[in-house]
Amino acid sequence: MYDLLLEYLEKRKIINTDNPYLFVGQKNKNTKKSLNRNFCNRLLAKYKDLCKIENLHPHLLRSYFCTNALHNAGYSIEQVANQARS
């Protein structure tokens, strides 16, 4: 999953967007708006087989980020909480 995320981030650089959110769509790539919940769920459902994760959903990605940031990236609990709120 990590390799797929890195690949996505490389492709996202081509878009040259100012959107602060990790995932952007055609309609929100040049805005400061997030993707809506239904779109995210459909997108993850589409790619869960590719990632070989049976129950891929937004909360799992959030949990993965928070755990990794806290234990591997050296973020403080306050920094992780701030990022998780965004």
N, C-alpha and C. Protein backbone atom coordinates (compact mmCIF):
# COMPACT_ATOMS: atom_id res chain seq x y z
N MET A 1 0.83 -1.19 0.00
CA MET A 1 0.00 0.00 0.00
C MET A 1 0.88 1.25 0.00
N TYR A 2 1.98 1.20 0.72
CA TYR A 2 2.88 2.34 0.80
C TYR A 2 3.41 2.71 -0.59
N ASP A 3 3.79 1.71 -1.37
CA ASP A 3 4.31 1.97 -2.72
C ASP A 3 3.26 2.61 -3.61
N LEU A 4 2.01 2.17 -3.47
CA LEU A 4 0.93 2.76 -4.27
C LEU A 4 0.70 4.22 -3.88
N LEU A 5 0.80 4.52 -2.61
CA LEU A 5 0.62 5.89 -2.15
C LEU A 5 1.75 6.78 -2.67
N LEU A 6 2.97 6.29 -2.64
CA LEU A 6 4.09 7.06 -3.20
C LEU A 6 3.91 7.31 -4.69
N GLU A 7 3.43 6.30 -5.39
CA GLU A 7 3.18 6.45 -6.83
C GLU A 7 2.11 7.51 -7.07
N TYR A 8 1.05 7.49 -6.27
CA TYR A 8 -0.01 8.49 -6.39
C TYR A 8 0.54 9.89 -6.14
N LEU A 9 1.36 10.05 -5.12
CA LEU A 9 1.90 11.36 -4.79
C LEU A 9 2.78 11.90 -5.92
N GLU A 10 3.52 11.02 -6.59
CA GLU A 10 4.32 11.45 -7.74
C GLU A 10 3.42 11.93 -8.88
N LYS A 11 2.36 11.19 -9.14
CA LYS A 11 1.43 11.59 -10.21
C LYS A 11 0.68 12.87 -9.84
N ARG A 12 0.42 13.06 -8.56
CA ARG A 12 -0.30 14.25 -8.11
C ARG A 12 0.52 15.51 -8.36
N LYS A 13 1.84 15.42 -8.32
CA LYS A 13 2.69 16.59 -8.59
C LYS A 13 2.41 17.17 -9.96
N ILE A 14 2.04 16.33 -10.91
CA ILE A 14 1.75 16.77 -12.28
C ILE A 14 0.53 17.69 -12.31
N ILE A 15 -0.42 17.44 -11.41
CA ILE A 15 -1.65 18.24 -11.37
C ILE A 15 -1.34 19.68 -10.97
N ASN A 16 -0.31 19.88 -10.15
CA ASN A 16 0.09 21.20 -9.68
C ASN A 16 -1.09 21.91 -9.00
N THR A 17 -1.58 21.29 -7.96
CA THR A 17 -2.74 21.81 -7.25
C THR A 17 -2.34 22.43 -5.92
N ASP A 18 -3.13 23.40 -5.49
CA ASP A 18 -2.93 24.01 -4.18
C ASP A 18 -3.85 23.38 -3.14
N ASN A 19 -4.59 22.36 -3.53
CA ASN A 19 -5.52 21.71 -2.61
C ASN A 19 -4.74 21.03 -1.49
N PRO A 20 -5.08 21.32 -0.22
CA PRO A 20 -4.32 20.76 0.89
C PRO A 20 -4.65 19.30 1.21
N TYR A 21 -5.69 18.75 0.61
CA TYR A 21 -6.11 17.40 0.92
C TYR A 21 -5.31 16.38 0.12
N LEU A 22 -5.15 15.19 0.69
CA LEU A 22 -4.37 14.14 0.05
C LEU A 22 -4.97 13.72 -1.28
N PHE A 23 -6.26 13.43 -1.30
CA PHE A 23 -6.92 12.98 -2.51
C PHE A 23 -7.73 14.12 -3.11
N VAL A 24 -7.55 14.36 -4.39
CA VAL A 24 -8.28 15.41 -5.08
C VAL A 24 -8.99 14.80 -6.28
N GLY A 25 -10.07 15.43 -6.68
CA GLY A 25 -10.83 15.00 -7.84
C GLY A 25 -10.86 16.11 -8.87
N GLN A 26 -11.47 15.84 -10.00
CA GLN A 26 -11.56 16.85 -11.06
C GLN A 26 -12.28 18.11 -10.60
N LYS A 27 -13.34 17.95 -9.81
CA LYS A 27 -14.15 19.09 -9.40
C LYS A 27 -13.51 19.92 -8.30
N ASN A 28 -12.63 19.35 -7.50
CA ASN A 28 -12.09 20.11 -6.38
C ASN A 28 -10.58 20.32 -6.45
N LYS A 29 -9.95 19.99 -7.57
CA LYS A 29 -8.49 20.06 -7.61
C LYS A 29 -7.95 21.48 -7.46
N ASN A 30 -8.71 22.47 -7.85
CA ASN A 30 -8.26 23.86 -7.74
C ASN A 30 -9.02 24.63 -6.68
N THR A 31 -9.60 23.93 -5.74
CA THR A 31 -10.30 24.57 -4.64
C THR A 31 -9.69 24.11 -3.33
N LYS A 32 -10.19 24.62 -2.24
CA LYS A 32 -9.72 24.19 -0.92
C LYS A 32 -10.73 23.22 -0.29
N LYS A 33 -11.60 22.64 -1.12
CA LYS A 33 -12.64 21.74 -0.63
C LYS A 33 -12.15 20.30 -0.63
N SER A 34 -12.67 19.52 0.32
CA SER A 34 -12.34 18.10 0.36
C SER A 34 -13.30 17.32 -0.53
N LEU A 35 -12.91 16.08 -0.82
CA LEU A 35 -13.81 15.19 -1.54
C LEU A 35 -14.95 14.81 -0.61
N ASN A 36 -16.11 14.54 -1.17
CA ASN A 36 -17.21 14.13 -0.29
C ASN A 36 -17.09 12.66 0.09
N ARG A 37 -17.75 12.30 1.15
CA ARG A 37 -17.66 10.96 1.72
C ARG A 37 -18.04 9.86 0.73
N ASN A 38 -19.10 10.06 -0.03
CA ASN A 38 -19.54 9.04 -0.98
C ASN A 38 -18.50 8.77 -2.05
N PHE A 39 -17.87 9.84 -2.55
CA PHE A 39 -16.84 9.67 -3.57
C PHE A 39 -15.66 8.87 -3.01
N CYS A 40 -15.24 9.21 -1.81
CA CYS A 40 -14.11 8.49 -1.19
C CYS A 40 -14.42 7.02 -0.99
N ASN A 41 -15.61 6.72 -0.53
CA ASN A 41 -16.00 5.32 -0.32
C ASN A 41 -16.03 4.55 -1.64
N ARG A 42 -16.55 5.17 -2.70
CA ARG A 42 -16.58 4.50 -4.02
C ARG A 42 -15.16 4.29 -4.55
N LEU A 43 -14.31 5.28 -4.38
CA LEU A 43 -12.94 5.18 -4.85
C LEU A 43 -12.19 4.07 -4.13
N LEU A 44 -12.32 4.00 -2.83
CA LEU A 44 -11.63 2.96 -2.06
C LEU A 44 -12.20 1.58 -2.37
N ALA A 45 -13.49 1.49 -2.58
CA ALA A 45 -14.10 0.20 -2.94
C ALA A 45 -13.53 -0.30 -4.28
N LYS A 46 -13.29 0.64 -5.18
CA LYS A 46 -12.77 0.29 -6.49
C LYS A 46 -11.33 -0.26 -6.40
N TYR A 47 -10.54 0.28 -5.50
CA TYR A 47 -9.13 -0.08 -5.44
C TYR A 47 -8.75 -1.03 -4.32
N LYS A 48 -9.70 -1.49 -3.54
CA LYS A 48 -9.34 -2.36 -2.42
C LYS A 48 -8.76 -3.70 -2.88
N ASP A 49 -9.20 -4.20 -4.00
CA ASP A 49 -8.63 -5.46 -4.52
C ASP A 49 -7.19 -5.26 -4.97
N LEU A 50 -6.92 -4.14 -5.59
CA LEU A 50 -5.57 -3.84 -6.04
C LEU A 50 -4.61 -3.76 -4.86
N CYS A 51 -5.07 -3.20 -3.76
CA CYS A 51 -4.24 -3.05 -2.56
C CYS A 51 -4.23 -4.31 -1.71
N LYS A 52 -5.10 -5.27 -2.05
CA LYS A 52 -5.21 -6.52 -1.30
C LYS A 52 -5.57 -6.28 0.16
N ILE A 53 -6.49 -5.33 0.37
CA ILE A 53 -7.00 -5.04 1.70
C ILE A 53 -8.51 -5.25 1.64
N GLU A 54 -8.98 -6.21 2.40
CA GLU A 54 -10.38 -6.60 2.31
C GLU A 54 -11.34 -5.48 2.74
N ASN A 55 -11.05 -4.82 3.83
CA ASN A 55 -11.96 -3.79 4.34
C ASN A 55 -11.31 -2.41 4.27
N LEU A 56 -11.00 -1.97 3.07
CA LEU A 56 -10.38 -0.66 2.88
C LEU A 56 -11.45 0.43 2.98
N HIS A 57 -11.24 1.36 3.89
CA HIS A 57 -12.18 2.47 4.07
C HIS A 57 -11.43 3.68 4.61
N PRO A 58 -12.03 4.88 4.55
CA PRO A 58 -11.31 6.09 4.96
C PRO A 58 -10.77 6.03 6.39
N HIS A 59 -11.51 5.44 7.30
CA HIS A 59 -11.04 5.39 8.68
C HIS A 59 -9.76 4.57 8.82
N LEU A 60 -9.64 3.51 8.01
CA LEU A 60 -8.42 2.70 8.04
C LEU A 60 -7.21 3.53 7.61
N LEU A 61 -7.37 4.35 6.57
CA LEU A 61 -6.27 5.21 6.12
C LEU A 61 -5.91 6.23 7.19
N ARG A 62 -6.91 6.80 7.82
CA ARG A 62 -6.68 7.77 8.89
C ARG A 62 -5.93 7.11 10.05
N SER A 63 -6.36 5.92 10.42
CA SER A 63 -5.73 5.18 11.50
C SER A 63 -4.29 4.84 11.15
N TYR A 64 -4.06 4.41 9.92
CA TYR A 64 -2.71 4.09 9.46
C TYR A 64 -1.81 5.33 9.56
N PHE A 65 -2.31 6.46 9.07
CA PHE A 65 -1.52 7.69 9.13
C PHE A 65 -1.17 8.05 10.56
N CYS A 66 -2.16 8.04 11.44
CA CYS A 66 -1.93 8.45 12.83
C CYS A 66 -0.93 7.53 13.53
N THR A 67 -1.08 6.24 13.35
CA THR A 67 -0.17 5.29 13.97
C THR A 67 1.25 5.45 13.45
N ASN A 68 1.37 5.57 12.12
CA ASN A 68 2.69 5.73 11.52
C ASN A 68 3.34 7.05 11.93
N ALA A 69 2.58 8.12 11.97
CA ALA A 69 3.13 9.43 12.35
C ALA A 69 3.60 9.43 13.80
N LEU A 70 2.85 8.78 14.64
CA LEU A 70 3.18 8.75 16.07
C LEU A 70 4.37 7.85 16.36
N HIS A 71 4.38 6.66 15.80
CA HIS A 71 5.40 5.67 16.15
C HIS A 71 6.63 5.68 15.26
N ASN A 72 6.49 6.06 14.00
CA ASN A 72 7.63 5.97 13.08
C ASN A 72 8.18 7.32 12.64
N ALA A 73 7.31 8.32 12.54
CA ALA A 73 7.76 9.62 12.03
C ALA A 73 8.14 10.59 13.14
N GLY A 74 7.88 10.21 14.39
CA GLY A 74 8.30 11.05 15.50
C GLY A 74 7.40 12.24 15.78
N TYR A 75 6.17 12.24 15.29
CA TYR A 75 5.25 13.32 15.59
C TYR A 75 4.85 13.24 17.06
N SER A 76 4.57 14.37 17.65
CA SER A 76 4.02 14.37 19.00
C SER A 76 2.53 14.04 18.92
N ILE A 77 1.95 13.67 20.04
CA ILE A 77 0.51 13.36 20.05
C ILE A 77 -0.31 14.58 19.64
N GLU A 78 0.16 15.78 19.99
CA GLU A 78 -0.55 17.01 19.62
C GLU A 78 -0.50 17.23 18.11
N GLN A 79 0.66 16.94 17.50
CA GLN A 79 0.80 17.09 16.06
C GLN A 79 -0.10 16.09 15.32
N VAL A 80 -0.12 14.86 15.81
CA VAL A 80 -0.97 13.84 15.18
C VAL A 80 -2.43 14.24 15.31
N ALA A 81 -2.85 14.70 16.48
CA ALA A 81 -4.24 15.11 16.67
C ALA A 81 -4.59 16.27 15.75
N ASN A 82 -3.68 17.21 15.58
CA ASN A 82 -3.93 18.35 14.70
C ASN A 82 -4.09 17.91 13.25
N GLN A 83 -3.22 17.00 12.80
CA GLN A 83 -3.31 16.50 11.43
C GLN A 83 -4.56 15.66 11.21
N ALA A 84 -4.93 14.88 12.20
CA ALA A 84 -6.12 14.03 12.06
C ALA A 84 -7.39 14.87 11.98
N ARG A 85 -7.39 16.02 12.59
CA ARG A 85 -8.55 16.91 12.54
C ARG A 85 -8.72 17.56 11.18
N SER A 86 -7.62 17.76 10.48
CA SER A 86 -7.66 18.48 9.19
C SER A 86 -8.41 17.74 8.15
